[in-house]
Every structure is written in C-alpha cells, then in structure tokens.
Protein backbone atom coordinates (compact mmCIF):
# COMPACT_ATOMS: atom_id res chain seq x y z
CA MET A 1 93.42 1.15 -16.46
CA ILE A 2 94.11 -2.45 -15.45
CA ASN A 3 94.53 -4.75 -18.42
CA ARG A 4 92.54 -7.92 -18.86
CA ARG A 5 95.59 -10.21 -18.39
CA SER A 6 96.32 -9.02 -14.85
CA ILE A 7 92.66 -9.52 -13.88
CA GLU A 8 92.75 -13.09 -15.16
CA VAL A 9 95.93 -13.81 -13.16
CA ALA A 10 94.37 -12.33 -10.00
CA VAL A 11 91.19 -14.45 -10.42
CA GLY A 12 93.30 -17.54 -11.10
CA LEU A 13 95.38 -16.96 -7.95
CA PHE A 14 92.22 -16.39 -5.91
CA ILE A 15 90.71 -19.69 -7.17
CA ALA A 16 94.00 -21.53 -6.48
CA ALA A 17 94.07 -20.20 -2.93
CA GLY A 18 90.44 -21.26 -2.43
CA LEU A 19 91.20 -24.76 -3.65
CA ALA A 20 94.20 -25.01 -1.35
CA ALA A 21 92.05 -23.89 1.61
CA LEU A 22 89.45 -26.52 0.77
CA PHE A 23 92.12 -29.21 0.53
CA MET A 24 93.55 -28.26 3.94
CA LEU A 25 90.06 -28.29 5.42
CA ALA A 26 89.33 -31.69 3.95
CA MET A 27 92.60 -33.09 5.32
CA LYS A 28 91.84 -31.68 8.79
CA VAL A 29 88.30 -33.02 8.87
CA SER A 30 89.20 -36.53 7.57
CA ASN A 31 92.18 -36.91 10.02
CA ILE A 32 94.43 -37.91 7.14
CA SER A 33 96.93 -35.32 8.31
CA ALA A 34 97.14 -37.18 11.66
CA PHE A 35 98.01 -40.37 9.79
CA THR A 36 101.34 -38.94 8.84
CA GLU A 37 102.35 -38.31 12.43
CA GLY A 38 105.08 -40.87 12.75
CA ASN A 39 106.64 -39.77 16.02
CA GLY A 40 105.66 -40.96 19.49
CA TYR A 41 105.62 -44.48 20.94
CA GLN A 42 103.45 -47.57 20.48
CA LEU A 43 101.44 -49.47 23.01
CA SER A 44 99.32 -52.58 22.39
CA ALA A 45 96.12 -53.75 23.98
CA ARG A 46 94.07 -56.93 23.49
CA PHE A 47 90.26 -56.90 23.34
CA GLU A 48 87.64 -59.62 23.00
CA ASN A 49 85.53 -57.33 20.79
CA ILE A 50 86.44 -53.97 19.27
CA GLY A 51 83.05 -53.20 17.79
CA GLY A 52 83.42 -50.53 15.09
CA LEU A 53 86.84 -49.27 16.17
CA LYS A 54 88.93 -48.18 13.17
CA VAL A 55 92.50 -47.30 12.43
CA ARG A 56 93.09 -43.56 13.15
CA SER A 57 90.40 -43.58 15.85
CA PRO A 58 91.34 -41.30 18.76
CA VAL A 59 93.04 -42.46 21.93
CA THR A 60 92.07 -40.29 24.88
CA MET A 61 92.94 -39.87 28.51
CA GLY A 62 90.85 -37.63 30.69
CA GLY A 63 88.91 -36.56 27.57
CA VAL A 64 92.04 -35.25 25.86
CA ARG A 65 93.28 -36.86 22.65
CA ILE A 66 96.80 -38.19 23.35
CA GLY A 67 97.17 -40.41 20.29
CA ARG A 68 95.53 -42.56 17.62
CA VAL A 69 94.90 -46.18 16.81
CA ALA A 70 97.79 -47.18 14.52
CA ALA A 71 96.79 -50.76 13.62
CA ILE A 72 94.23 -53.43 14.34
CA GLU A 73 95.08 -57.11 13.93
CA PHE A 74 93.59 -60.49 14.91
CA ASP A 75 95.48 -63.01 17.02
CA GLN A 76 94.40 -66.40 15.68
CA ASN A 77 95.77 -68.25 18.71
CA ALA A 78 94.03 -66.25 21.43
CA TYR A 79 91.06 -65.23 19.28
CA GLN A 80 91.42 -61.61 20.28
CA ALA A 81 91.82 -58.30 18.51
CA VAL A 82 95.22 -56.68 19.04
CA VAL A 83 95.03 -52.88 18.86
CA THR A 84 98.23 -50.92 18.44
CA LEU A 85 98.07 -47.39 19.82
CA ARG A 86 100.41 -44.58 18.75
CA ILE A 87 100.82 -42.20 21.71
CA ASN A 88 102.14 -38.68 21.12
CA PRO A 89 105.64 -38.24 22.61
CA GLN A 90 104.72 -35.51 25.08
CA TYR A 91 102.45 -37.99 26.94
CA ASP A 92 105.23 -40.23 28.24
CA ARG A 93 103.94 -40.62 31.82
CA ILE A 94 101.24 -43.25 31.47
CA PRO A 95 101.42 -45.60 34.51
CA LYS A 96 102.07 -49.29 33.74
CA ASP A 97 98.86 -50.39 35.49
CA SER A 98 96.59 -48.20 33.32
CA SER A 99 93.53 -49.69 31.70
CA ALA A 100 92.10 -49.32 28.16
CA SER A 101 88.40 -49.35 27.23
CA ILE A 102 86.57 -48.89 23.96
CA TYR A 103 83.87 -46.17 24.16
CA THR A 104 81.40 -44.63 21.75
CA SER A 105 81.20 -40.85 21.52
CA GLY A 106 77.48 -40.04 21.67
CA LEU A 107 74.72 -42.54 20.96
CA LEU A 108 75.76 -43.42 17.39
CA GLY A 109 79.15 -41.71 17.17
CA GLU A 110 82.59 -43.02 16.36
CA GLN A 111 84.35 -45.39 18.69
CA TYR A 112 87.63 -44.51 20.43
CA VAL A 113 90.01 -45.93 22.99
CA GLY A 114 89.90 -44.34 26.46
CA LEU A 115 92.85 -44.86 28.83
CA GLU A 116 92.35 -44.71 32.58
CA PRO A 117 95.55 -44.01 34.51
CA GLY A 118 96.65 -46.40 37.22
CA ALA A 119 98.67 -45.64 40.32
CA ASP A 120 102.00 -47.30 39.43
CA ASP A 121 105.18 -45.22 39.79
CA THR A 122 106.69 -46.73 36.65
CA TYR A 123 105.57 -45.60 33.20
CA MET A 124 104.85 -47.34 29.93
CA ARG A 125 107.48 -47.30 27.23
CA ASP A 126 107.55 -48.10 23.49
CA GLN A 127 106.18 -51.56 22.67
CA ASP A 128 104.62 -52.13 26.17
CA SER A 129 101.26 -53.83 26.46
CA ILE A 130 98.17 -52.75 28.37
CA SER A 131 96.83 -55.79 30.24
CA LEU A 132 93.66 -54.35 31.72
CA THR A 133 91.14 -53.92 28.91
CA GLN A 134 87.39 -53.60 28.50
CA SER A 135 85.81 -54.46 25.14
CA ALA A 136 83.35 -52.38 23.19
CA LEU A 137 79.74 -52.34 24.22
CA VAL A 138 77.83 -53.76 21.23
CA MET A 139 74.25 -52.52 21.08
CA GLU A 140 73.00 -55.50 19.06
CA ARG A 141 74.20 -57.86 21.78
CA LEU A 142 72.50 -55.86 24.51
CA ILE A 143 69.21 -55.73 22.58
CA SER A 144 69.44 -59.47 21.93
CA LYS A 145 69.93 -60.18 25.61
CA PHE A 146 67.06 -57.92 26.55
CA LEU A 147 64.69 -59.52 24.01
CA PHE A 148 65.75 -63.06 25.04
CA ASN A 149 65.10 -62.26 28.71
CA GLN A 150 61.70 -60.83 27.87
CA THR A 151 60.78 -63.96 25.81
CA VAL A 152 61.89 -66.26 28.65
CA LYS A 153 59.78 -64.30 31.17
CA GLU A 154 56.72 -64.36 28.89
CA ASN A 155 56.97 -68.11 28.37
CA GLY A 156 57.15 -68.78 32.11
CA GLY A 157 60.89 -69.42 32.33
CA SER A 158 63.08 -68.12 35.08
C-alpha cells in the first residue's frame, strides 16, 4: 500500500512539471527567449517611418527569420528612425547592396523587417548600414489620401 506522503510528493512534482512547461511555453510564445540571444552581428537601417515596428520584431530574408530588431532610436538631426538589426551568425552572406523594407504580416498583424538581397560580391559585416530602405505602409495615411482625393473630385477640383 502506497502511503499518503509519497502520493503528495508525486502530485507536487507533477504540478511543478506542469508549471515549468507553462513557463517555457510562455517564453516561447512571447519571444522573450529570443531577447537573450546575444550572438550574431548588428546592422543598422534608417527609415522615414517605422509604423508599429517594435524591438524584438523579426528580420526575415526570403520569408525565413534570420534575426530580430535589437533597438529603435530617433536621429534628431536627420529626423529619421534608426533601426538596429541583430542578425544570427550563420547568415553572414548578406550582400552590401541589399535593401530593407518594413512589412506587415497579414492585414492587421505585427510588423517586421524584410531584407531583399542585392547582387554585390562583398558581404555586410558587424556595424554596417543598409542604405536602401522602404518605410512602413501606414494605413491611416493611405485612407487619408484616398478620402482627400475623393473630396477634391466631388468639389470639382482636379
């Protein structure tokens, strides 16, 4: 006959294992575990508008996540957002003439940085800068332009 004490220990271990599994799942879903990845190299890119881009947003190339956004700052002299990208070390062959664009996954999904490879034979290294960038597409701005154009046409403007 199993005594009551061993049953209580087994139940306690089962609950502890369940809590540990929930914690690991939460870390995986929230991408906090990716925040601790310190290896790799950094690239920077300047954008006129980053929309809703956030730190830890994915950086993709060809639809594959190759890194994350490490930092977002504002350059007060150029009035641009400076986005620092942390690229995983195994992706060390990004051509120097590559471009960076800010996309939205789905209609209302999170924003991410998409890199398009260039054709240069030399590759980016740590602290290099991506010069060809395309800012985020802001829905409010598009709707405003559409409504303004409709108002001008209704009032007889060109």
